[in-house]
């Protein structure tokens, strides 16, 4: 119970502090929004998160498939196709993020 309350308290305090900091920042820079800088940051952050998440997903999928094959080598044919399909779908999400990053960079 203490951990939940501590987590909730830290979330509330963080939310209150961050919102006031952004309000002060916006008031100080009233109108100097650098689209190029934020576009580059968004593209880089999007690709880094997509690559990280895709790598984690592919690693877990491959590990689970290899563990299943190690436990039952006779089922390797039944496990191979869904594993490849899952890896392709995970990779397609990373490629989708790459396309979105290129679109963001094209607008900058």
PDB file of N, CA and C in Angstrom:
ATOM      1  N   UNK A   1       0.812  -1.184   0.000  1.00  0.00           N
ATOM      2  CA  UNK A   1       0.000   0.000   0.000  1.00  0.00           C
ATOM      3  C   UNK A   1       0.862   1.258   0.000  1.00  0.00           C
ATOM      4  N   UNK A   2       1.994   1.199   0.724  1.00  0.00           N
ATOM      5  CA  UNK A   2       2.881   2.360   0.787  1.00  0.00           C
ATOM      6  C   UNK A   2       3.500   2.644  -0.580  1.00  0.00           C
ATOM      7  N   UNK A   3       3.823   1.584  -1.326  1.00  0.00           N
ATOM      8  CA  UNK A   3       4.426   1.778  -2.637  1.00  0.00           C
ATOM      9  C   UNK A   3       3.447   2.443  -3.599  1.00  0.00           C
ATOM     10  N   UNK A   4       2.191   2.048  -3.522  1.00  0.00           N
ATOM     11  CA  UNK A   4       1.186   2.648  -4.399  1.00  0.00           C
ATOM     12  C   UNK A   4       0.982   4.119  -4.055  1.00  0.00           C
ATOM     13  N   UNK A   5       0.919   4.428  -2.787  1.00  0.00           N
ATOM     14  CA  UNK A   5       0.739   5.819  -2.370  1.00  0.00           C
ATOM     15  C   UNK A   5       1.952   6.665  -2.752  1.00  0.00           C
ATOM     16  N   UNK A   6       3.157   6.112  -2.588  1.00  0.00           N
ATOM     17  CA  UNK A   6       4.365   6.829  -2.960  1.00  0.00           C
ATOM     18  C   UNK A   6       4.399   7.071  -4.469  1.00  0.00           C
ATOM     19  N   UNK A   7       4.012   6.072  -5.238  1.00  0.00           N
ATOM     20  CA  UNK A   7       3.966   6.229  -6.691  1.00  0.00           C
ATOM     21  C   UNK A   7       2.953   7.265  -7.114  1.00  0.00           C
ATOM     22  N   UNK A   8       1.777   7.245  -6.500  1.00  0.00           N
ATOM     23  CA  UNK A   8       0.742   8.221  -6.815  1.00  0.00           C
ATOM     24  C   UNK A   8       1.185   9.630  -6.423  1.00  0.00           C
ATOM     25  N   UNK A   9       1.804   9.759  -5.266  1.00  0.00           N
ATOM     26  CA  UNK A   9       2.282  11.061  -4.817  1.00  0.00           C
ATOM     27  C   UNK A   9       3.364  11.599  -5.752  1.00  0.00           C
ATOM     28  N   UNK A  10       4.289  10.747  -6.158  1.00  0.00           N
ATOM     29  CA  UNK A  10       5.346  11.210  -7.067  1.00  0.00           C
ATOM     30  C   UNK A  10       4.768  11.597  -8.421  1.00  0.00           C
ATOM     31  N   UNK A  11       3.741  10.899  -8.897  1.00  0.00           N
ATOM     32  CA  UNK A  11       3.098  11.260 -10.156  1.00  0.00           C
ATOM     33  C   UNK A  11       2.423  12.626 -10.056  1.00  0.00           C
ATOM     34  N   UNK A  12       1.719  12.856  -8.974  1.00  0.00           N
ATOM     35  CA  UNK A  12       1.019  14.133  -8.797  1.00  0.00           C
ATOM     36  C   UNK A  12       2.017  15.289  -8.671  1.00  0.00           C
ATOM     37  N   UNK A  13       3.049  15.097  -7.888  1.00  0.00           N
ATOM     38  CA  UNK A  13       4.040  16.164  -7.706  1.00  0.00           C
ATOM     39  C   UNK A  13       4.745  16.451  -9.027  1.00  0.00           C
ATOM     40  N   UNK A  14       5.114  15.417  -9.746  1.00  0.00           N
ATOM     41  CA  UNK A  14       5.789  15.603 -11.031  1.00  0.00           C
ATOM     42  C   UNK A  14       4.889  16.338 -12.008  1.00  0.00           C
ATOM     43  N   UNK A  15       3.634  15.956 -12.061  1.00  0.00           N
ATOM     44  CA  UNK A  15       2.693  16.615 -12.968  1.00  0.00           C
ATOM     45  C   UNK A  15       2.537  18.090 -12.627  1.00  0.00           C
ATOM     46  N   UNK A  16       2.440  18.413 -11.354  1.00  0.00           N
ATOM     47  CA  UNK A  16       2.281  19.812 -10.955  1.00  0.00           C
ATOM     48  C   UNK A  16       3.525  20.633 -11.257  1.00  0.00           C
ATOM     49  N   UNK A  17       4.703  20.078 -10.994  1.00  0.00           N
ATOM     50  CA  UNK A  17       5.943  20.816 -11.216  1.00  0.00           C
ATOM     51  C   UNK A  17       6.189  21.015 -12.702  1.00  0.00           C
ATOM     52  N   UNK A  18       5.979  19.977 -13.494  1.00  0.00           N
ATOM     53  CA  UNK A  18       6.259  20.068 -14.927  1.00  0.00           C
ATOM     54  C   UNK A  18       5.309  21.041 -15.611  1.00  0.00           C
ATOM     55  N   UNK A  19       4.045  21.018 -15.248  1.00  0.00           N
ATOM     56  CA  UNK A  19       3.097  21.923 -15.900  1.00  0.00           C
ATOM     57  C   UNK A  19       3.436  23.384 -15.626  1.00  0.00           C
ATOM     58  N   UNK A  20       3.847  23.688 -14.435  1.00  0.00           N
ATOM     59  CA  UNK A  20       4.213  25.077 -14.151  1.00  0.00           C
ATOM     60  C   UNK A  20       5.505  25.462 -14.867  1.00  0.00           C
ATOM     61  N   UNK A  21       6.413  24.534 -15.014  1.00  0.00           N
ATOM     62  CA  UNK A  21       7.652  24.831 -15.727  1.00  0.00           C
ATOM     63  C   UNK A  21       7.378  25.105 -17.197  1.00  0.00           C
ATOM     64  N   UNK A  22       6.482  24.317 -17.820  1.00  0.00           N
ATOM     65  CA  UNK A  22       6.140  24.556 -19.211  1.00  0.00           C
ATOM     66  C   UNK A  22       5.388  25.874 -19.373  1.00  0.00           C
ATOM     67  N   UNK A  23       4.569  26.236 -18.403  1.00  0.00           N
ATOM     68  CA  UNK A  23       3.833  27.494 -18.480  1.00  0.00           C
ATOM     69  C   UNK A  23       4.800  28.666 -18.444  1.00  0.00           C
ATOM     70  N   UNK A  24       5.813  28.599 -17.612  1.00  0.00           N
ATOM     71  CA  UNK A  24       6.783  29.675 -17.547  1.00  0.00           C
ATOM     72  C   UNK A  24       7.601  29.738 -18.824  1.00  0.00           C
ATOM     73  N   UNK A  25       7.942  28.592 -19.382  1.00  0.00           N
ATOM     74  CA  UNK A  25       8.716  28.548 -20.609  1.00  0.00           C
ATOM     75  C   UNK A  25       7.928  29.149 -21.764  1.00  0.00           C
ATOM     76  N   UNK A  26       6.653  28.830 -21.847  1.00  0.00           N
ATOM     77  CA  UNK A  26       5.822  29.336 -22.930  1.00  0.00           C
ATOM     78  C   UNK A  26       5.631  30.848 -22.806  1.00  0.00           C
ATOM     79  N   UNK A  27       5.515  31.341 -21.597  1.00  0.00           N
ATOM     80  CA  UNK A  27       5.347  32.777 -21.408  1.00  0.00           C
ATOM     81  C   UNK A  27       6.627  33.529 -21.771  1.00  0.00           C
ATOM     82  N   UNK A  28       7.759  32.933 -21.500  1.00  0.00           N
ATOM     83  CA  UNK A  28       9.026  33.602 -21.791  1.00  0.00           C
ATOM     84  C   UNK A  28       9.315  33.623 -23.290  1.00  0.00           C
ATOM     85  N   UNK A  29       8.940  32.572 -23.996  1.00  0.00           N
ATOM     86  CA  UNK A  29       9.219  32.455 -25.429  1.00  0.00           C
ATOM     87  C   UNK A  29       7.957  32.675 -26.252  1.00  0.00           C
ATOM     88  N   UNK A  30       7.175  33.648 -25.977  1.00  0.00           N
ATOM     89  CA  UNK A  30       5.859  33.832 -26.597  1.00  0.00           C
ATOM     90  C   UNK A  30       5.986  34.012 -28.104  1.00  0.00           C
ATOM     91  N   UNK A  31       6.038  32.933 -28.857  1.00  0.00           N
ATOM     92  CA  UNK A  31       6.035  33.016 -30.306  1.00  0.00           C
ATOM     93  C   UNK A  31       7.304  32.516 -30.970  1.00  0.00           C
ATOM     94  N   UNK A  32       8.318  32.128 -30.257  1.00  0.00           N
ATOM     95  CA  UNK A  32       9.540  31.630 -30.885  1.00  0.00           C
ATOM     96  C   UNK A  32       9.573  30.106 -30.805  1.00  0.00           C
ATOM     97  N   UNK A  33       8.684  29.473 -31.577  1.00  0.00           N
ATOM     98  CA  UNK A  33       8.609  28.008 -31.596  1.00  0.00           C
ATOM     99  C   UNK A  33       9.421  27.521 -32.785  1.00  0.00           C
ATOM    100  N   UNK A  34      10.506  26.845 -32.514  1.00  0.00           N
ATOM    101  CA  UNK A  34      11.410  26.383 -33.569  1.00  0.00           C
ATOM    102  C   UNK A  34      10.943  25.025 -34.094  1.00  0.00           C
ATOM    103  N   UNK A  35      10.243  25.037 -35.222  1.00  0.00           N
ATOM    104  CA  UNK A  35       9.661  23.817 -35.784  1.00  0.00           C
ATOM    105  C   UNK A  35      10.752  22.850 -36.240  1.00  0.00           C
ATOM    106  N   UNK A  36      11.821  23.359 -36.802  1.00  0.00           N
ATOM    107  CA  UNK A  36      12.879  22.489 -37.301  1.00  0.00           C
ATOM    108  C   UNK A  36      13.536  21.706 -36.174  1.00  0.00           C
ATOM    109  N   UNK A  37      13.823  22.379 -35.077  1.00  0.00           N
ATOM    110  CA  UNK A  37      14.461  21.710 -33.940  1.00  0.00           C
ATOM    111  C   UNK A  37      13.562  20.623 -33.372  1.00  0.00           C
ATOM    112  N   UNK A  38      12.274  20.940 -33.173  1.00  0.00           N
ATOM    113  CA  UNK A  38      11.359  19.961 -32.588  1.00  0.00           C
ATOM    114  C   UNK A  38      11.028  18.852 -33.578  1.00  0.00           C
ATOM    115  N   UNK A  39      11.023  19.156 -34.870  1.00  0.00           N
ATOM    116  CA  UNK A  39      10.794  18.108 -35.867  1.00  0.00           C
ATOM    117  C   UNK A  39      11.930  17.092 -35.888  1.00  0.00           C
ATOM    118  N   UNK A  40      13.148  17.590 -35.809  1.00  0.00           N
ATOM    119  CA  UNK A  40      14.300  16.690 -35.757  1.00  0.00           C
ATOM    120  C   UNK A  40      14.294  15.854 -34.486  1.00  0.00           C
ATOM    121  N   UNK A  41      13.910  16.481 -33.380  1.00  0.00           N
ATOM    122  CA  UNK A  41      13.856  15.752 -32.122  1.00  0.00           C
ATOM    123  C   UNK A  41      12.759  14.685 -32.156  1.00  0.00           C
ATOM    124  N   UNK A  42      11.614  15.021 -32.732  1.00  0.00           N
ATOM    125  CA  UNK A  42      10.510  14.059 -32.826  1.00  0.00           C
ATOM    126  C   UNK A  42      10.893  12.878 -33.711  1.00  0.00           C
ATOM    127  N   UNK A  43      11.550  13.148 -34.831  1.00  0.00           N
ATOM    128  CA  UNK A  43      11.959  12.067 -35.732  1.00  0.00           C
ATOM    129  C   UNK A  43      12.988  11.158 -35.056  1.00  0.00           C
ATOM    130  N   UNK A  44      13.955  11.748 -34.388  1.00  0.00           N
ATOM    131  CA  UNK A  44      14.978  10.947 -33.702  1.00  0.00           C
ATOM    132  C   UNK A  44      14.412  10.135 -32.555  1.00  0.00           C
ATOM    133  N   UNK A  45      13.562  10.768 -31.764  1.00  0.00           N
ATOM    134  CA  UNK A  45      12.960  10.065 -30.632  1.00  0.00           C
ATOM    135  C   UNK A  45      12.030   8.949 -31.108  1.00  0.00           C
ATOM    136  N   UNK A  46      11.259   9.226 -32.151  1.00  0.00           N
ATOM    137  CA  UNK A  46      10.362   8.198 -32.688  1.00  0.00           C
ATOM    138  C   UNK A  46      11.118   6.994 -33.204  1.00  0.00           C
ATOM    139  N   UNK A  47      12.187   7.229 -33.929  1.00  0.00           N
ATOM    140  CA  UNK A  47      12.966   6.109 -34.464  1.00  0.00           C
ATOM    141  C   UNK A  47      13.687   5.348 -33.357  1.00  0.00           C
ATOM    142  N   UNK A  48      14.189   6.065 -32.365  1.00  0.00           N
ATOM    143  CA  UNK A  48      14.906   5.367 -31.296  1.00  0.00           C
ATOM    144  C   UNK A  48      13.949   4.501 -30.481  1.00  0.00           C
ATOM    145  N   UNK A  49      12.754   5.008 -30.191  1.00  0.00           N
ATOM    146  CA  UNK A  49      11.775   4.199 -29.458  1.00  0.00           C
ATOM    147  C   UNK A  49      11.304   3.014 -30.283  1.00  0.00           C
ATOM    148  N   UNK A  50      11.098   3.230 -31.582  1.00  0.00           N
ATOM    149  CA  UNK A  50      10.652   2.133 -32.445  1.00  0.00           C
ATOM    150  C   UNK A  50      11.728   1.050 -32.557  1.00  0.00           C
ATOM    151  N   UNK A  51      12.970   1.462 -32.712  1.00  0.00           N
ATOM    152  CA  UNK A  51      14.048   0.475 -32.820  1.00  0.00           C
ATOM    153  C   UNK A  51      14.218  -0.292 -31.511  1.00  0.00           C
ATOM    154  N   UNK A  52      14.118   0.421 -30.399  1.00  0.00           N
ATOM    155  CA  UNK A  52      14.245  -0.234 -29.097  1.00  0.00           C
ATOM    156  C   UNK A  52      13.109  -1.222 -28.862  1.00  0.00           C
ATOM    157  N   UNK A  53      11.879  -0.780 -29.110  1.00  0.00           N
ATOM    158  CA  UNK A  53      10.723  -1.662 -28.921  1.00  0.00           C
ATOM    159  C   UNK A  53      10.727  -2.832 -29.883  1.00  0.00           C
ATOM    160  N   UNK A  54      11.108  -2.578 -31.135  1.00  0.00           N
ATOM    161  CA  UNK A  54      11.178  -3.657 -32.115  1.00  0.00           C
ATOM    162  C   UNK A  54      12.237  -4.690 -31.752  1.00  0.00           C
ATOM    163  N   UNK A  55      13.372  -4.224 -31.278  1.00  0.00           N
ATOM    164  CA  UNK A  55      14.433  -5.148 -30.874  1.00  0.00           C
ATOM    165  C   UNK A  55      14.001  -5.995 -29.678  1.00  0.00           C
ATOM    166  N   UNK A  56      13.327  -5.372 -28.716  1.00  0.00           N
ATOM    167  CA  UNK A  56      12.826  -6.137 -27.565  1.00  0.00           C
ATOM    168  C   UNK A  56      11.795  -7.171 -28.003  1.00  0.00           C
ATOM    169  N   UNK A  57      10.870  -6.764 -28.862  1.00  0.00           N
ATOM    170  CA  UNK A  57       9.829  -7.678 -29.331  1.00  0.00           C
ATOM    171  C   UNK A  57      10.394  -8.826 -30.139  1.00  0.00           C
ATOM    172  N   UNK A  58      11.325  -8.538 -31.025  1.00  0.00           N
ATOM    173  CA  UNK A  58      11.919  -9.600 -31.829  1.00  0.00           C
ATOM    174  C   UNK A  58      12.761 -10.537 -30.971  1.00  0.00           C
ATOM    175  N   UNK A  59      13.450  -9.997 -30.003  1.00  0.00           N
ATOM    176  CA  UNK A  59      14.249 -10.849 -29.125  1.00  0.00           C
ATOM    177  C   UNK A  59      13.382 -11.794 -28.315  1.00  0.00           C
ATOM    178  N   UNK A  60      12.279 -11.283 -27.778  1.00  0.00           N
ATOM    179  CA  UNK A  60      11.390 -12.138 -26.993  1.00  0.00           C
ATOM    180  C   UNK A  60      10.693 -13.172 -27.866  1.00  0.00           C
ATOM    181  N   UNK A  61      10.287 -12.777 -29.073  1.00  0.00           N
ATOM    182  CA  UNK A  61       9.609 -13.712 -29.973  1.00  0.00           C
ATOM    183  C   UNK A  61      10.559 -14.829 -30.400  1.00  0.00           C
ATOM    184  N   UNK A  62      11.776 -14.466 -30.754  1.00  0.00           N
ATOM    185  CA  UNK A  62      12.743 -15.479 -31.173  1.00  0.00           C
ATOM    186  C   UNK A  62      13.124 -16.384 -30.007  1.00  0.00           C
ATOM    187  N   UNK A  63      13.281 -15.824 -28.820  1.00  0.00           N
ATOM    188  CA  UNK A  63      13.627 -16.630 -27.650  1.00  0.00           C
ATOM    189  C   UNK A  63      12.514 -17.625 -27.320  1.00  0.00           C
ATOM    190  N   UNK A  64      11.268 -17.167 -27.391  1.00  0.00           N
ATOM    191  CA  UNK A  64      10.148 -18.063 -27.101  1.00  0.00           C
ATOM    192  C   UNK A  64      10.035 -19.170 -28.148  1.00  0.00           C
ATOM    193  N   UNK A  65      10.237 -18.822 -29.410  1.00  0.00           N
ATOM    194  CA  UNK A  65      10.163 -19.834 -30.466  1.00  0.00           C
ATOM    195  C   UNK A  65      11.298 -20.848 -30.329  1.00  0.00           C
ATOM    196  N   UNK A  66      12.495 -20.377 -30.046  1.00  0.00           N
ATOM    197  CA  UNK A  66      13.621 -21.301 -29.889  1.00  0.00           C
ATOM    198  C   UNK A  66      13.461 -22.178 -28.656  1.00  0.00           C
ATOM    199  N   UNK A  67      12.887 -21.634 -27.608  1.00  0.00           N
ATOM    200  CA  UNK A  67      12.631 -22.450 -26.420  1.00  0.00           C
ATOM    201  C   UNK A  67      11.590 -23.525 -26.727  1.00  0.00           C
ATOM    202  N   UNK A  68      10.569 -23.162 -27.493  1.00  0.00           N
ATOM    203  CA  UNK A  68       9.557 -24.148 -27.879  1.00  0.00           C
ATOM    204  C   UNK A  68      10.138 -25.235 -28.771  1.00  0.00           C
ATOM    205  N   UNK A  69      11.017 -24.860 -29.676  1.00  0.00           N
ATOM    206  CA  UNK A  69      11.659 -25.847 -30.550  1.00  0.00           C
ATOM    207  C   UNK A  69      12.593 -26.731 -29.738  1.00  0.00           C
ATOM    208  N   UNK A  70      13.292 -26.157 -28.759  1.00  0.00           N
ATOM    209  CA  UNK A  70      14.201 -26.949 -27.929  1.00  0.00           C
ATOM    210  C   UNK A  70      13.424 -27.957 -27.083  1.00  0.00           C
ATOM    211  N   UNK A  71      12.243 -27.586 -26.630  1.00  0.00           N
ATOM    212  CA  UNK A  71      11.437 -28.506 -25.819  1.00  0.00           C
ATOM    213  C   UNK A  71      10.811 -29.613 -26.658  1.00  0.00           C
ATOM    214  N   UNK A  72      10.417 -29.255 -27.893  1.00  0.00           N
ATOM    215  CA  UNK A  72       9.770 -30.227 -28.765  1.00  0.00           C
ATOM    216  C   UNK A  72      10.291 -30.034 -30.187  1.00  0.00           C
ATOM    217  N   UNK A  73      11.390 -30.692 -30.545  1.00  0.00           N
ATOM    218  CA  UNK A  73      11.973 -30.497 -31.875  1.00  0.00           C
ATOM    219  C   UNK A  73      11.032 -30.916 -33.009  1.00  0.00           C
ATOM    220  N   UNK A  74      10.102 -31.778 -32.733  1.00  0.00           N
ATOM    221  CA  UNK A  74       9.170 -32.212 -33.771  1.00  0.00           C
ATOM    222  C   UNK A  74       8.192 -31.119 -34.173  1.00  0.00           C
ATOM    223  N   UNK A  75       8.023 -30.127 -33.352  1.00  0.00           N
ATOM    224  CA  UNK A  75       7.073 -29.056 -33.643  1.00  0.00           C
ATOM    225  C   UNK A  75       7.747 -27.838 -34.281  1.00  0.00           C
ATOM    226  N   UNK A  76       8.978 -28.010 -34.754  1.00  0.00           N
ATOM    227  CA  UNK A  76       9.694 -26.861 -35.308  1.00  0.00           C
ATOM    228  C   UNK A  76       9.027 -26.336 -36.568  1.00  0.00           C
ATOM    229  N   UNK A  77       8.426 -27.210 -37.369  1.00  0.00           N
ATOM    230  CA  UNK A  77       7.726 -26.750 -38.565  1.00  0.00           C
ATOM    231  C   UNK A  77       6.501 -25.912 -38.206  1.00  0.00           C
ATOM    232  N   UNK A  78       5.816 -26.298 -37.134  1.00  0.00           N
ATOM    233  CA  UNK A  78       4.616 -25.563 -36.724  1.00  0.00           C
ATOM    234  C   UNK A  78       4.956 -24.240 -36.028  1.00  0.00           C
ATOM    235  N   UNK A  79       6.146 -24.137 -35.482  1.00  0.00           N
ATOM    236  CA  UNK A  79       6.547 -22.914 -34.792  1.00  0.00           C
ATOM    237  C   UNK A  79       7.261 -21.923 -35.712  1.00  0.00           C
ATOM    238  N   UNK A  80       7.880 -22.425 -36.762  1.00  0.00           N
ATOM    239  CA  UNK A  80       8.717 -21.585 -37.607  1.00  0.00           C
ATOM    240  C   UNK A  80       7.892 -20.533 -38.358  1.00  0.00           C
ATOM    241  N   UNK A  81       6.796 -20.956 -38.982  1.00  0.00           N
ATOM    242  CA  UNK A  81       5.989 -20.020 -39.773  1.00  0.00           C
ATOM    243  C   UNK A  81       5.364 -18.910 -38.924  1.00  0.00           C
ATOM    244  N   UNK A  82       4.716 -19.215 -37.789  1.00  0.00           N
ATOM    245  CA  UNK A  82       4.193 -18.104 -36.975  1.00  0.00           C
ATOM    246  C   UNK A  82       5.285 -17.187 -36.428  1.00  0.00           C
ATOM    247  N   UNK A  83       6.475 -17.755 -36.151  1.00  0.00           N
ATOM    248  CA  UNK A  83       7.567 -16.917 -35.660  1.00  0.00           C
ATOM    249  C   UNK A  83       8.000 -15.934 -36.748  1.00  0.00           C
ATOM    250  N   UNK A  84       8.168 -16.408 -37.969  1.00  0.00           N
ATOM    251  CA  UNK A  84       8.578 -15.534 -39.066  1.00  0.00           C
ATOM    252  C   UNK A  84       7.509 -14.481 -39.330  1.00  0.00           C
ATOM    253  N   UNK A  85       6.242 -14.874 -39.270  1.00  0.00           N
ATOM    254  CA  UNK A  85       5.152 -13.922 -39.464  1.00  0.00           C
ATOM    255  C   UNK A  85       5.163 -12.854 -38.365  1.00  0.00           C
ATOM    256  N   UNK A  86       5.351 -13.273 -37.120  1.00  0.00           N
ATOM    257  CA  UNK A  86       5.430 -12.313 -36.010  1.00  0.00           C
ATOM    258  C   UNK A  86       6.612 -11.373 -36.146  1.00  0.00           C
ATOM    259  N   UNK A  87       7.773 -11.905 -36.542  1.00  0.00           N
ATOM    260  CA  UNK A  87       8.945 -11.055 -36.722  1.00  0.00           C
ATOM    261  C   UNK A  87       8.727 -10.053 -37.851  1.00  0.00           C
ATOM    262  N   UNK A  88       8.058 -10.494 -38.921  1.00  0.00           N
ATOM    263  CA  UNK A  88       7.784  -9.582 -40.035  1.00  0.00           C
ATOM    264  C   UNK A  88       6.831  -8.474 -39.614  1.00  0.00           C
ATOM    265  N   UNK A  89       5.829  -8.806 -38.803  1.00  0.00           N
ATOM    266  CA  UNK A  89       4.898  -7.779 -38.345  1.00  0.00           C
ATOM    267  C   UNK A  89       5.573  -6.791 -37.402  1.00  0.00           C
ATOM    268  N   UNK A  90       6.445  -7.284 -36.544  1.00  0.00           N
ATOM    269  CA  UNK A  90       7.189  -6.387 -35.649  1.00  0.00           C
ATOM    270  C   UNK A  90       8.080  -5.464 -36.471  1.00  0.00           C
ATOM    271  N   UNK A  91       8.750  -6.018 -37.475  1.00  0.00           N
ATOM    272  CA  UNK A  91       9.636  -5.211 -38.314  1.00  0.00           C
ATOM    273  C   UNK A  91       8.837  -4.192 -39.130  1.00  0.00           C
ATOM    274  N   UNK A  92       7.622  -4.557 -39.526  1.00  0.00           N
ATOM    275  CA  UNK A  92       6.814  -3.609 -40.290  1.00  0.00           C
ATOM    276  C   UNK A  92       6.441  -2.392 -39.440  1.00  0.00           C
ATOM    277  N   UNK A  93       6.244  -2.585 -38.144  1.00  0.00           N
ATOM    278  CA  UNK A  93       5.967  -1.441 -37.278  1.00  0.00           C
ATOM    279  C   UNK A  93       7.177  -0.515 -37.173  1.00  0.00           C
ATOM    280  N   UNK A  94       8.371  -1.086 -37.143  1.00  0.00           N
ATOM    281  CA  UNK A  94       9.583  -0.261 -37.094  1.00  0.00           C
ATOM    282  C   UNK A  94       9.747   0.498 -38.405  1.00  0.00           C
ATOM    283  N   UNK A  95       9.458  -0.166 -39.531  1.00  0.00           N
ATOM    284  CA  UNK A  95       9.550   0.498 -40.833  1.00  0.00           C
ATOM    285  C   UNK A  95       8.491   1.594 -40.947  1.00  0.00           C
ATOM    286  N   UNK A  96       7.322   1.361 -40.389  1.00  0.00           N
ATOM    287  CA  UNK A  96       6.278   2.389 -40.373  1.00  0.00           C
ATOM    288  C   UNK A  96       6.765   3.622 -39.602  1.00  0.00           C
ATOM    289  N   UNK A  97       7.450   3.408 -38.517  1.00  0.00           N
ATOM    290  CA  UNK A  97       8.012   4.531 -37.763  1.00  0.00           C
ATOM    291  C   UNK A  97       9.074   5.259 -38.584  1.00  0.00           C
ATOM    292  N   UNK A  98       9.853   4.513 -39.375  1.00  0.00           N
ATOM    293  CA  UNK A  98      10.850   5.135 -40.243  1.00  0.00           C
ATOM    294  C   UNK A  98      10.176   6.019 -41.290  1.00  0.00           C
ATOM    295  N   UNK A  99       9.078   5.537 -41.861  1.00  0.00           N
ATOM    296  CA  UNK A  99       8.346   6.329 -42.850  1.00  0.00           C
ATOM    297  C   UNK A  99       7.796   7.606 -42.218  1.00  0.00           C
ATOM    298  N   UNK A 100       7.231   7.485 -41.012  1.00  0.00           N
ATOM    299  CA  UNK A 100       6.713   8.666 -40.322  1.00  0.00           C
ATOM    300  C   UNK A 100       7.846   9.645 -40.022  1.00  0.00           C
ATOM    301  N   UNK A 101       9.012   9.144 -39.638  1.00  0.00           N
ATOM    302  CA  UNK A 101      10.155  10.024 -39.372  1.00  0.00           C
ATOM    303  C   UNK A 101      10.586  10.756 -40.632  1.00  0.00           C
ATOM    304  N   UNK A 102      10.586  10.055 -41.784  1.00  0.00           N
ATOM    305  CA  UNK A 102      10.920  10.712 -43.041  1.00  0.00           C
ATOM    306  C   UNK A 102       9.878  11.777 -43.397  1.00  0.00           C
ATOM    307  N   UNK A 103       8.614  11.497 -43.095  1.00  0.00           N
ATOM    308  CA  UNK A 103       7.569  12.489 -43.363  1.00  0.00           C
ATOM    309  C   UNK A 103       7.761  13.728 -42.483  1.00  0.00           C
ATOM    310  N   UNK A 104       8.144  13.510 -41.225  1.00  0.00           N
ATOM    311  CA  UNK A 104       8.411  14.644 -40.333  1.00  0.00           C
ATOM    312  C   UNK A 104       9.599  15.443 -40.841  1.00  0.00           C
ATOM    313  N   UNK A 105      10.649  14.752 -41.267  1.00  0.00           N
ATOM    314  CA  UNK A 105      11.828  15.452 -41.761  1.00  0.00           C
ATOM    315  C   UNK A 105      11.536  16.185 -43.059  1.00  0.00           C
ATOM    316  N   UNK A 106      10.600  15.671 -43.860  1.00  0.00           N
ATOM    317  CA  UNK A 106      10.230  16.360 -45.102  1.00  0.00           C
ATOM    318  C   UNK A 106       9.490  17.659 -44.858  1.00  0.00           C
ATOM    319  N   UNK A 107       8.811  17.755 -43.743  1.00  0.00           N
ATOM    320  CA  UNK A 107       8.072  18.980 -43.397  1.00  0.00           C
ATOM    321  C   UNK A 107       8.981  20.025 -42.758  1.00  0.00           C
ATOM    322  N   UNK A 108      10.143  19.589 -42.286  1.00  0.00           N
ATOM    323  CA  UNK A 108      11.048  20.505 -41.580  1.00  0.00           C
ATOM    324  C   UNK A 108      11.825  21.336 -42.566  1.00  0.00           C
TER     325      UNK A 108
END
